[in-house]
Amino acid sequence: MNRKIALITGASRGLGRSAALHLAAQGIDIIGTYNSRADEAQALVTELQALGAKAAMLQLDVGHSENFAAFAAQVEQVLGQTFERQRFDFLINNAGVGVHALFSETTPEQFDLLMNVQLKGPFFLTQQLLPLINDGGRVVNISSGLTRFSLPGYGAYAAMKGAMEVLTRYQAKELGARRIGVNVLAPGAIETDFGGGTVRDNSAVNAMVASNTALGRVGLPDDIGGALALLLSEGGQWINGQRVEASGGMFL
């Protein structure tokens, strides 16, 4: 029986890296993408191989959709050469960028960056990769707790994530004919270097988040990697078109 393959954007660090390691431990092979840190990408490949998984990392900037056709051709080539397969099973649209700016101060350049990376990128990347996804496969889009609760300075970011949540339902509806399930996972505040590492490195912010989370602490990358592995497990195959929040009960 062929092992399943997951393609994870932004896999070389943070949530994407944790997802790759959790899925590999679950017996899933990995194609990951990185933007600029080839050293981190190669280090992850080594870790994944140590877990018994086949793994490959490809460079991709999800903010430049004009390169997606060439990227899809790369994926097809790697599938054949490294995995001896023609298609993969799971797509996780994880790569992202954070911008903190009040609504009144957000610039068109910041808005365009967020739109290109957080909305246009996963929209057209998924579209481009559809022919390479197995029937019966699954797509997970990564959103944010900020679509449910509001914190000043994240209006543009949350608006793009909110759009992705609506898109997820449409994807689930339209891809159902191929038995492809599509869900959105919405992390709460997590200790990573995302957005400059504020949640991880600013003790006041960390304490504020922990005090407003039912489980009493800030989330860790492994909390989200584990949630993704759970969502993509055999037991999660009937979950479709849903927003699943993994925030430890933040701002209940």
Protein backbone atom coordinates (compact mmCIF):
# COMPACT_ATOMS: atom_id res chain seq x y z
CA MET A 1 0.00 0.00 0.00
CA ASN A 2 1.37 3.40 -0.98
CA ARG A 3 2.11 5.85 1.79
CA LYS A 4 0.17 9.08 1.58
CA ILE A 5 1.96 12.32 0.67
CA ALA A 6 1.30 15.78 2.10
CA LEU A 7 2.39 19.04 0.48
CA ILE A 8 2.88 21.75 3.11
CA THR A 9 3.65 25.35 2.20
CA GLY A 10 5.93 27.18 4.62
CA ALA A 11 7.15 23.87 6.04
CA SER A 12 10.68 24.84 7.05
CA ARG A 13 9.74 26.62 10.29
CA GLY A 14 7.00 27.25 12.82
CA LEU A 15 3.63 25.59 12.37
CA GLY A 16 4.52 24.10 9.00
CA ARG A 17 7.60 22.40 10.40
CA SER A 18 5.65 20.97 13.32
CA ALA A 19 2.93 19.72 10.95
CA ALA A 20 5.53 18.00 8.77
CA LEU A 21 7.07 16.20 11.76
CA HIS A 22 3.70 15.12 13.16
CA LEU A 23 2.50 13.83 9.80
CA ALA A 24 5.77 11.99 9.18
CA ALA A 25 5.41 10.30 12.57
CA GLN A 26 1.95 9.25 11.37
CA GLY A 27 3.48 7.53 8.32
CA ILE A 28 2.95 10.30 5.77
CA ASP A 29 5.64 11.44 3.32
CA ILE A 30 6.28 15.16 2.90
CA ILE A 31 6.79 17.69 0.15
CA GLY A 32 7.44 21.04 1.81
CA THR A 33 8.13 24.54 0.61
CA TYR A 34 10.39 27.25 1.96
CA ASN A 35 10.84 30.84 0.90
CA SER A 36 14.42 31.85 1.67
CA ARG A 37 16.07 29.57 4.26
CA ALA A 38 17.37 26.58 2.32
CA ASP A 39 19.44 25.52 5.34
CA GLU A 40 16.35 25.18 7.53
CA ALA A 41 14.59 23.30 4.74
CA GLN A 42 17.41 20.78 4.38
CA ALA A 43 17.62 20.32 8.16
CA LEU A 44 13.92 19.41 8.15
CA VAL A 45 14.44 16.87 5.37
CA THR A 46 17.07 15.17 7.52
CA GLU A 47 14.69 15.04 10.51
CA LEU A 48 11.84 13.67 8.40
CA GLN A 49 14.05 10.97 6.91
CA ALA A 50 15.11 9.98 10.41
CA LEU A 51 11.42 9.35 11.12
CA GLY A 52 11.27 6.99 8.14
CA ALA A 53 9.56 9.39 5.76
CA LYS A 54 10.49 10.32 2.24
CA ALA A 55 10.84 14.09 2.00
CA ALA A 56 11.63 16.89 -0.43
CA MET A 57 11.71 20.67 -0.08
CA LEU A 58 11.02 23.14 -2.90
CA GLN A 59 11.48 26.90 -2.98
CA LEU A 60 8.25 28.89 -3.31
CA ASP A 61 7.12 32.43 -2.58
CA VAL A 62 3.34 32.14 -2.28
CA GLY A 63 3.03 35.88 -2.85
CA HIS A 64 3.93 35.46 -6.53
CA SER A 65 1.15 33.49 -8.20
CA GLU A 66 2.71 33.99 -11.64
CA ASN A 67 5.24 31.29 -10.65
CA PHE A 68 2.68 28.64 -9.67
CA ALA A 69 2.56 26.84 -13.03
CA ALA A 70 6.34 26.32 -12.93
CA PHE A 71 6.07 25.22 -9.29
CA ALA A 72 3.39 22.65 -10.16
CA ALA A 73 5.71 21.26 -12.84
CA GLN A 74 8.43 20.95 -10.18
CA VAL A 75 6.03 19.12 -7.88
CA GLU A 76 5.10 16.72 -10.66
CA GLN A 77 8.78 16.03 -11.33
CA VAL A 78 9.61 15.47 -7.65
CA LEU A 79 6.61 13.17 -7.25
CA GLY A 80 7.99 10.95 -9.98
CA GLN A 81 11.65 11.06 -9.05
CA THR A 82 11.51 10.96 -5.24
CA PHE A 83 8.20 9.30 -4.47
CA GLU A 84 7.53 7.25 -7.63
CA ARG A 85 4.01 8.64 -7.70
CA GLN A 86 1.95 10.86 -9.98
CA ARG A 87 -0.20 12.58 -7.38
CA PHE A 88 -0.20 13.55 -3.71
CA ASP A 89 -2.96 13.32 -1.11
CA PHE A 90 -2.99 16.30 1.25
CA LEU A 91 -2.41 20.03 0.64
CA ILE A 92 -1.84 22.30 3.64
CA ASN A 93 -1.90 26.01 2.76
CA ASN A 94 0.17 27.20 5.70
CA ALA A 95 2.73 29.74 4.41
CA GLY A 96 1.98 33.26 5.54
CA VAL A 97 3.22 36.62 6.66
CA GLY A 98 2.09 38.86 9.50
CA VAL A 99 1.49 42.61 9.40
CA HIS A 100 0.51 44.54 12.53
CA ALA A 101 -1.04 47.91 11.69
CA LEU A 102 -4.13 49.73 12.88
CA PHE A 103 -6.92 50.05 10.33
CA SER A 104 -6.36 53.82 10.15
CA GLU A 105 -2.65 53.34 9.43
CA THR A 106 -2.63 50.32 7.10
CA THR A 107 -0.96 51.17 3.78
CA PRO A 108 -1.94 49.91 0.34
CA GLU A 109 1.43 48.15 0.19
CA GLN A 110 0.72 46.26 3.44
CA PHE A 111 -2.77 45.37 2.24
CA ASP A 112 -1.48 44.08 -1.09
CA LEU A 113 1.22 42.00 0.61
CA LEU A 114 -1.34 40.33 2.86
CA MET A 115 -3.76 39.78 -0.01
CA ASN A 116 -1.12 38.24 -2.26
CA VAL A 117 0.26 35.90 0.41
CA GLN A 118 -2.81 35.08 2.51
CA LEU A 119 -5.62 35.00 -0.07
CA LYS A 120 -4.55 35.18 -3.71
CA GLY A 121 -1.64 32.80 -3.10
CA PRO A 122 -3.55 29.86 -1.59
CA PHE A 123 -6.50 30.48 -3.94
CA PHE A 124 -4.48 30.07 -7.13
CA LEU A 125 -1.92 27.62 -5.76
CA THR A 126 -4.69 25.19 -4.84
CA GLN A 127 -6.25 25.73 -8.26
CA GLN A 128 -2.94 25.03 -9.98
CA LEU A 129 -2.25 21.89 -7.94
CA LEU A 130 -5.72 20.35 -8.28
CA PRO A 131 -4.70 18.01 -11.14
CA LEU A 132 -1.96 16.60 -8.87
CA ILE A 133 -4.21 15.93 -5.87
CA ASN A 134 -5.64 12.44 -5.62
CA ASP A 135 -9.40 11.97 -5.69
CA GLY A 136 -10.39 11.42 -2.08
CA GLY A 137 -7.59 13.71 -0.90
CA ARG A 138 -7.89 16.63 1.47
CA VAL A 139 -7.02 20.32 1.66
CA VAL A 140 -6.48 22.26 4.88
CA ASN A 141 -6.32 26.05 4.80
CA ILE A 142 -4.75 27.77 7.80
CA SER A 143 -6.71 30.68 9.22
CA SER A 144 -6.53 32.42 12.60
CA GLY A 145 -8.45 32.88 15.83
CA LEU A 146 -8.48 36.55 14.83
CA THR A 147 -11.44 35.87 12.53
CA ARG A 148 -13.54 35.13 15.66
CA PHE A 149 -12.14 37.66 18.14
CA SER A 150 -10.75 41.11 17.39
CA LEU A 151 -7.43 42.60 18.51
CA PRO A 152 -6.41 46.08 17.30
CA GLY A 153 -3.81 46.07 14.54
CA TYR A 154 -4.84 42.87 12.78
CA GLY A 155 -7.79 44.08 10.70
CA ALA A 156 -6.27 43.54 7.25
CA TYR A 157 -4.68 40.21 8.23
CA ALA A 158 -7.91 38.90 9.73
CA ALA A 159 -9.93 40.09 6.73
CA MET A 160 -7.80 37.92 4.42
CA LYS A 161 -8.17 34.94 6.76
CA GLY A 162 -11.91 35.51 6.94
CA ALA A 163 -12.03 35.39 3.15
CA MET A 164 -10.14 32.09 3.22
CA GLU A 165 -12.73 30.67 5.60
CA VAL A 166 -15.52 31.54 3.17
CA LEU A 167 -13.46 30.15 0.28
CA THR A 168 -12.98 26.90 2.20
CA ARG A 169 -16.72 26.23 2.20
CA TYR A 170 -16.93 26.86 -1.54
CA GLN A 171 -13.96 24.61 -2.20
CA ALA A 172 -15.55 21.85 -0.12
CA LYS A 173 -18.77 22.20 -2.10
CA GLU A 174 -17.15 22.30 -5.54
CA LEU A 175 -14.48 19.65 -4.95
CA GLY A 176 -16.90 17.21 -3.37
CA ALA A 177 -17.46 15.54 -6.75
CA ARG A 178 -13.85 14.32 -6.50
CA ARG A 179 -14.34 13.36 -2.83
CA ILE A 180 -11.76 15.99 -1.84
CA GLY A 181 -12.50 17.31 1.64
CA VAL A 182 -11.57 20.90 2.51
CA ASN A 183 -11.40 22.37 6.00
CA VAL A 184 -9.86 25.38 7.69
CA LEU A 185 -7.78 25.16 10.87
CA ALA A 186 -7.66 28.36 12.92
CA PRO A 187 -4.83 28.55 15.47
CA GLY A 188 -4.95 30.91 18.40
CA ALA A 189 -1.85 32.80 19.52
CA ILE A 190 1.20 30.54 19.15
CA GLU A 191 4.81 30.92 20.31
CA THR A 192 6.67 31.17 16.98
CA ASP A 193 8.73 33.79 15.14
CA PHE A 194 5.60 34.76 13.17
CA GLY A 195 4.98 38.50 13.16
CA GLY A 196 8.38 39.14 14.71
CA GLY A 197 7.92 36.63 17.52
CA THR A 198 5.79 38.95 19.67
CA VAL A 199 3.73 36.24 21.35
CA ARG A 200 6.85 34.20 22.12
CA ASP A 201 9.24 36.99 23.11
CA ASN A 202 7.09 39.72 24.68
CA SER A 203 6.37 38.57 28.24
CA ALA A 204 3.46 40.98 28.67
CA VAL A 205 1.74 39.77 25.50
CA ASN A 206 2.44 36.15 26.44
CA ALA A 207 0.92 36.66 29.89
CA MET A 208 -2.13 38.43 28.44
CA VAL A 209 -2.81 35.56 26.04
CA ALA A 210 -2.31 32.91 28.73
CA SER A 211 -4.69 34.71 31.12
CA ASN A 212 -7.37 34.82 28.42
CA THR A 213 -7.02 31.15 27.40
CA ALA A 214 -9.12 28.52 29.17
CA LEU A 215 -6.22 26.07 29.34
CA GLY A 216 -4.04 28.73 30.95
CA ARG A 217 -1.10 29.01 28.56
CA VAL A 218 -0.03 30.21 25.13
CA GLY A 219 -0.14 27.69 22.28
CA LEU A 220 2.98 25.93 21.00
CA PRO A 221 3.75 24.83 17.42
CA ASP A 222 3.27 21.19 18.39
CA ASP A 223 -0.30 21.98 19.47
CA ILE A 224 -1.08 22.95 15.89
CA GLY A 225 1.02 20.21 14.28
CA GLY A 226 -0.89 17.70 16.36
CA ALA A 227 -4.25 19.23 15.43
CA LEU A 228 -3.38 19.05 11.74
CA ALA A 229 -2.33 15.42 12.04
CA LEU A 230 -5.63 14.69 13.79
CA LEU A 231 -7.64 16.48 11.10
CA LEU A 232 -5.86 14.54 8.34
CA SER A 233 -6.10 11.17 10.08
CA GLU A 234 -8.49 8.46 8.90
CA GLY A 235 -10.85 9.46 11.69
CA GLY A 236 -11.15 12.98 10.27
CA GLN A 237 -12.27 12.04 6.78
CA TRP A 238 -15.96 12.89 7.36
CA ILE A 239 -15.13 16.40 8.61
CA ASN A 240 -15.66 18.67 5.62
CA GLY A 241 -16.27 22.36 4.98
CA GLN A 242 -15.62 23.21 8.63
CA ARG A 243 -13.71 25.82 10.60
CA VAL A 244 -11.82 24.06 13.39
CA GLU A 245 -10.23 26.37 15.96
CA ALA A 246 -7.19 25.17 17.90
CA SER A 247 -6.66 27.90 20.47
CA GLY A 248 -6.87 26.21 23.86
CA GLY A 249 -10.11 28.11 24.44
CA MET A 250 -8.84 31.64 23.82
CA PHE A 251 -11.33 34.45 24.56
CA LEU A 252 -14.26 32.14 25.29
